[in-house]
Amino acid sequence: MFYSDNRDDIRNTYYAVWQKYQSKQQITALEQQILDVIIAHPEYHDLLEKQQGVAREYLPELGETNPFLHMGLHLALREQVATNRPKGISRIYQSLCQKYNSNLEAEHAMMEHLVEAMWQSQRDNALPDEKKYLKQLKKLL
């Protein structure tokens, strides 16, 4: 989505989008998707405003949440839903949005399973197991 595999470049994209929004500059469709996620997370606005954390390591073992990873997972889920890939995820998402009465909360519920699928894929050096992923998501219904 960001066309880079450089962590700092990706993080700087969030800063740039937030800065454009704050200064009322025109943004692209992709930037609007990023902005939608940023706006939904006011707890990250100060970080983006001050442009902090570009080189910071976030350590989950210390209870830290990586805000850039968190926002990126929202974007990944939204892309999956928009393309319905894996097939069936759009229906699951819509059902979860109704269950939680919130798109954001539905995405938060789904994230754990997305992260698990990605981790297993990396661990096994294989493509993500879409059937297993969907099975886990269906358990949220």
C-alpha atoms as a PDB file:
ATOM      1  CA  MET A   1       0.000   0.000   0.000  1.00  0.00           C
ATOM      2  CA  PHE A   2       2.862   2.389   0.780  1.00  0.00           C
ATOM      3  CA  TYR A   3       5.194   1.086  -1.931  1.00  0.00           C
ATOM      4  CA  SER A   4       8.127   0.788   0.440  1.00  0.00           C
ATOM      5  CA  ASP A   5       9.546  -1.813   2.748  1.00  0.00           C
ATOM      6  CA  ASN A   6      11.554   0.748   4.691  1.00  0.00           C
ATOM      7  CA  ARG A   7      10.064   1.197   8.151  1.00  0.00           C
ATOM      8  CA  ASP A   8      11.042   4.846   8.458  1.00  0.00           C
ATOM      9  CA  ASP A   9       9.598   5.700   5.028  1.00  0.00           C
ATOM     10  CA  ILE A  10       6.299   4.088   5.976  1.00  0.00           C
ATOM     11  CA  ARG A  11       6.195   5.916   9.302  1.00  0.00           C
ATOM     12  CA  ASN A  12       7.013   9.188   7.584  1.00  0.00           C
ATOM     13  CA  THR A  13       4.012   8.637   5.321  1.00  0.00           C
ATOM     14  CA  TYR A  14       1.737   8.801   8.374  1.00  0.00           C
ATOM     15  CA  TYR A  15       3.403  12.043   9.477  1.00  0.00           C
ATOM     16  CA  ALA A  16       3.080  13.552   6.000  1.00  0.00           C
ATOM     17  CA  VAL A  17      -0.608  12.682   5.734  1.00  0.00           C
ATOM     18  CA  TRP A  18      -1.320  14.107   9.187  1.00  0.00           C
ATOM     19  CA  GLN A  19       0.613  17.276   8.359  1.00  0.00           C
ATOM     20  CA  LYS A  20      -1.294  17.694   5.077  1.00  0.00           C
ATOM     21  CA  TYR A  21      -4.573  17.242   6.914  1.00  0.00           C
ATOM     22  CA  GLN A  22      -3.608  19.771   9.583  1.00  0.00           C
ATOM     23  CA  SER A  23      -2.630  22.355   6.974  1.00  0.00           C
ATOM     24  CA  LYS A  24      -5.740  21.624   4.876  1.00  0.00           C
ATOM     25  CA  GLN A  25      -3.761  20.506   1.832  1.00  0.00           C
ATOM     26  CA  GLN A  26      -5.313  18.324  -0.827  1.00  0.00           C
ATOM     27  CA  ILE A  27      -4.703  14.602  -0.324  1.00  0.00           C
ATOM     28  CA  THR A  28      -4.848  11.586  -2.602  1.00  0.00           C
ATOM     29  CA  ALA A  29      -7.314   8.703  -2.276  1.00  0.00           C
ATOM     30  CA  LEU A  30      -4.634   6.555  -0.641  1.00  0.00           C
ATOM     31  CA  GLU A  31      -3.783   9.334   1.787  1.00  0.00           C
ATOM     32  CA  GLN A  32      -7.495   9.606   2.633  1.00  0.00           C
ATOM     33  CA  GLN A  33      -7.515   5.935   3.629  1.00  0.00           C
ATOM     34  CA  ILE A  34      -4.547   6.551   5.908  1.00  0.00           C
ATOM     35  CA  LEU A  35      -6.144   9.701   7.289  1.00  0.00           C
ATOM     36  CA  ASP A  36      -9.374   7.846   8.081  1.00  0.00           C
ATOM     37  CA  VAL A  37      -7.410   5.429  10.254  1.00  0.00           C
ATOM     38  CA  ILE A  38      -5.454   8.240  11.915  1.00  0.00           C
ATOM     39  CA  ILE A  39      -8.616  10.186  12.724  1.00  0.00           C
ATOM     40  CA  ALA A  40     -10.133   7.057  14.280  1.00  0.00           C
ATOM     41  CA  HIS A  41      -7.164   6.906  16.683  1.00  0.00           C
ATOM     42  CA  PRO A  42      -6.930  10.212  18.575  1.00  0.00           C
ATOM     43  CA  GLU A  43      -4.489   8.610  20.997  1.00  0.00           C
ATOM     44  CA  TYR A  44      -1.875   8.802  18.198  1.00  0.00           C
ATOM     45  CA  HIS A  45      -2.502  12.408  17.142  1.00  0.00           C
ATOM     46  CA  ASP A  46       0.068  13.893  19.521  1.00  0.00           C
ATOM     47  CA  LEU A  47       2.715  11.427  18.345  1.00  0.00           C
ATOM     48  CA  LEU A  48       2.011  12.370  14.733  1.00  0.00           C
ATOM     49  CA  GLU A  49       1.831  16.077  15.524  1.00  0.00           C
ATOM     50  CA  LYS A  50       5.272  15.988  17.137  1.00  0.00           C
ATOM     51  CA  GLN A  51       6.612  13.533  14.556  1.00  0.00           C
ATOM     52  CA  GLN A  52       7.914  11.237  17.266  1.00  0.00           C
ATOM     53  CA  GLY A  53       8.776   7.591  17.029  1.00  0.00           C
ATOM     54  CA  VAL A  54      10.313   7.282  13.569  1.00  0.00           C
ATOM     55  CA  ALA A  55      13.280   5.240  14.782  1.00  0.00           C
ATOM     56  CA  ARG A  56      11.688   3.942  17.985  1.00  0.00           C
ATOM     57  CA  GLU A  57      11.426   0.255  18.681  1.00  0.00           C
ATOM     58  CA  TYR A  58       8.122  -0.724  20.271  1.00  0.00           C
ATOM     59  CA  LEU A  59       8.429  -3.730  22.552  1.00  0.00           C
ATOM     60  CA  PRO A  60       5.270  -5.795  23.032  1.00  0.00           C
ATOM     61  CA  GLU A  61       6.988  -7.756  25.798  1.00  0.00           C
ATOM     62  CA  LEU A  62       6.989  -4.482  27.748  1.00  0.00           C
ATOM     63  CA  GLY A  63       3.327  -3.895  26.993  1.00  0.00           C
ATOM     64  CA  GLU A  64       4.025  -1.357  24.252  1.00  0.00           C
ATOM     65  CA  THR A  65       1.789  -1.029  21.219  1.00  0.00           C
ATOM     66  CA  ASN A  66       3.375   0.017  17.962  1.00  0.00           C
ATOM     67  CA  PRO A  67       0.995   2.721  16.699  1.00  0.00           C
ATOM     68  CA  PHE A  68       2.267   2.424  13.128  1.00  0.00           C
ATOM     69  CA  LEU A  69       1.751  -1.327  13.074  1.00  0.00           C
ATOM     70  CA  HIS A  70      -1.680  -0.895  14.641  1.00  0.00           C
ATOM     71  CA  MET A  71      -2.780   1.620  12.007  1.00  0.00           C
ATOM     72  CA  GLY A  72      -1.221  -0.498   9.257  1.00  0.00           C
ATOM     73  CA  LEU A  73      -3.256  -3.491  10.381  1.00  0.00           C
ATOM     74  CA  HIS A  74      -6.428  -1.430  10.013  1.00  0.00           C
ATOM     75  CA  LEU A  75      -5.376  -0.554   6.479  1.00  0.00           C
ATOM     76  CA  ALA A  76      -4.580  -4.188   5.689  1.00  0.00           C
ATOM     77  CA  LEU A  77      -7.954  -5.358   6.975  1.00  0.00           C
ATOM     78  CA  ARG A  78      -9.758  -2.677   5.006  1.00  0.00           C
ATOM     79  CA  GLU A  79      -7.928  -3.752   1.878  1.00  0.00           C
ATOM     80  CA  GLN A  80      -8.896  -7.376   2.508  1.00  0.00           C
ATOM     81  CA  VAL A  81     -12.532  -6.389   2.967  1.00  0.00           C
ATOM     82  CA  ALA A  82     -12.555  -4.144  -0.112  1.00  0.00           C
ATOM     83  CA  THR A  83     -11.166  -6.929  -2.294  1.00  0.00           C
ATOM     84  CA  ASN A  84     -12.935  -9.745  -0.413  1.00  0.00           C
ATOM     85  CA  ARG A  85      -9.639 -11.570  -0.197  1.00  0.00           C
ATOM     86  CA  PRO A  86      -9.634 -14.079   1.307  1.00  0.00           C
ATOM     87  CA  LYS A  87     -13.022 -14.857  -0.159  1.00  0.00           C
ATOM     88  CA  GLY A  88     -15.692 -14.467   2.486  1.00  0.00           C
ATOM     89  CA  ILE A  89     -13.940 -11.908   4.671  1.00  0.00           C
ATOM     90  CA  SER A  90     -16.274  -9.098   3.571  1.00  0.00           C
ATOM     91  CA  ARG A  91     -19.316 -10.976   4.857  1.00  0.00           C
ATOM     92  CA  ILE A  92     -17.565 -11.780   8.139  1.00  0.00           C
ATOM     93  CA  TYR A  93     -16.555  -8.138   8.514  1.00  0.00           C
ATOM     94  CA  GLN A  94     -20.087  -6.870   7.893  1.00  0.00           C
ATOM     95  CA  SER A  95     -21.452  -9.328  10.467  1.00  0.00           C
ATOM     96  CA  LEU A  96     -18.854  -8.238  13.013  1.00  0.00           C
ATOM     97  CA  CYS A  97     -19.612  -4.568  12.372  1.00  0.00           C
ATOM     98  CA  GLN A  98     -23.220  -5.289  13.230  1.00  0.00           C
ATOM     99  CA  LYS A  99     -22.281  -7.383  16.270  1.00  0.00           C
ATOM    100  CA  TYR A 100     -19.971  -4.692  17.682  1.00  0.00           C
ATOM    101  CA  ASN A 101     -22.019  -1.805  16.312  1.00  0.00           C
ATOM    102  CA  SER A 102     -18.697  -0.307  15.198  1.00  0.00           C
ATOM    103  CA  ASN A 103     -16.438  -0.819  12.187  1.00  0.00           C
ATOM    104  CA  LEU A 104     -13.418   0.101  14.282  1.00  0.00           C
ATOM    105  CA  GLU A 105     -14.228  -2.416  17.016  1.00  0.00           C
ATOM    106  CA  ALA A 106     -14.841  -5.108  14.405  1.00  0.00           C
ATOM    107  CA  GLU A 107     -11.390  -4.404  12.962  1.00  0.00           C
ATOM    108  CA  HIS A 108      -9.824  -4.498  16.415  1.00  0.00           C
ATOM    109  CA  ALA A 109     -11.394  -7.912  17.022  1.00  0.00           C
ATOM    110  CA  MET A 110     -10.093  -9.188  13.681  1.00  0.00           C
ATOM    111  CA  MET A 111      -6.534  -7.871  14.094  1.00  0.00           C
ATOM    112  CA  GLU A 112      -5.366 -10.542  16.486  1.00  0.00           C
ATOM    113  CA  HIS A 113      -6.184 -13.202  13.920  1.00  0.00           C
ATOM    114  CA  LEU A 114      -4.564 -11.267  11.086  1.00  0.00           C
ATOM    115  CA  VAL A 115      -1.363 -10.929  13.122  1.00  0.00           C
ATOM    116  CA  GLU A 116      -1.437 -14.639  13.967  1.00  0.00           C
ATOM    117  CA  ALA A 117      -1.888 -15.576  10.294  1.00  0.00           C
ATOM    118  CA  MET A 118       0.995 -13.317   9.288  1.00  0.00           C
ATOM    119  CA  TRP A 119       3.241 -14.660  12.040  1.00  0.00           C
ATOM    120  CA  GLN A 120       2.536 -18.280  11.091  1.00  0.00           C
ATOM    121  CA  SER A 121       3.165 -17.477   7.453  1.00  0.00           C
ATOM    122  CA  GLN A 122       6.553 -15.960   8.272  1.00  0.00           C
ATOM    123  CA  ARG A 123       7.429 -18.762  10.660  1.00  0.00           C
ATOM    124  CA  ASP A 124       6.588 -21.428   8.084  1.00  0.00           C
ATOM    125  CA  ASN A 125       8.013 -19.455   5.152  1.00  0.00           C
ATOM    126  CA  ALA A 126       4.734 -20.059   3.323  1.00  0.00           C
ATOM    127  CA  LEU A 127       1.713 -18.204   2.076  1.00  0.00           C
ATOM    128  CA  PRO A 128      -0.848 -17.373   4.744  1.00  0.00           C
ATOM    129  CA  ASP A 129      -3.362 -20.147   5.417  1.00  0.00           C
ATOM    130  CA  GLU A 130      -6.506 -18.323   4.304  1.00  0.00           C
ATOM    131  CA  LYS A 131      -8.851 -21.133   5.339  1.00  0.00           C
ATOM    132  CA  LYS A 132      -7.470 -21.202   8.860  1.00  0.00           C
ATOM    133  CA  TYR A 133      -7.568 -17.419   9.048  1.00  0.00           C
ATOM    134  CA  LEU A 134     -11.224 -17.313   7.999  1.00  0.00           C
ATOM    135  CA  LYS A 135     -12.070 -20.122  10.418  1.00  0.00           C
ATOM    136  CA  GLN A 136     -10.596 -18.086  13.285  1.00  0.00           C
ATOM    137  CA  LEU A 137     -12.480 -14.970  12.181  1.00  0.00           C
ATOM    138  CA  LYS A 138     -15.756 -16.891  12.047  1.00  0.00           C
ATOM    139  CA  LYS A 139     -15.291 -17.793  15.713  1.00  0.00           C
ATOM    140  CA  LEU A 140     -15.721 -14.090  16.497  1.00  0.00           C
ATOM    141  CA  LEU A 141     -19.275 -14.198  15.169  1.00  0.00           C
END
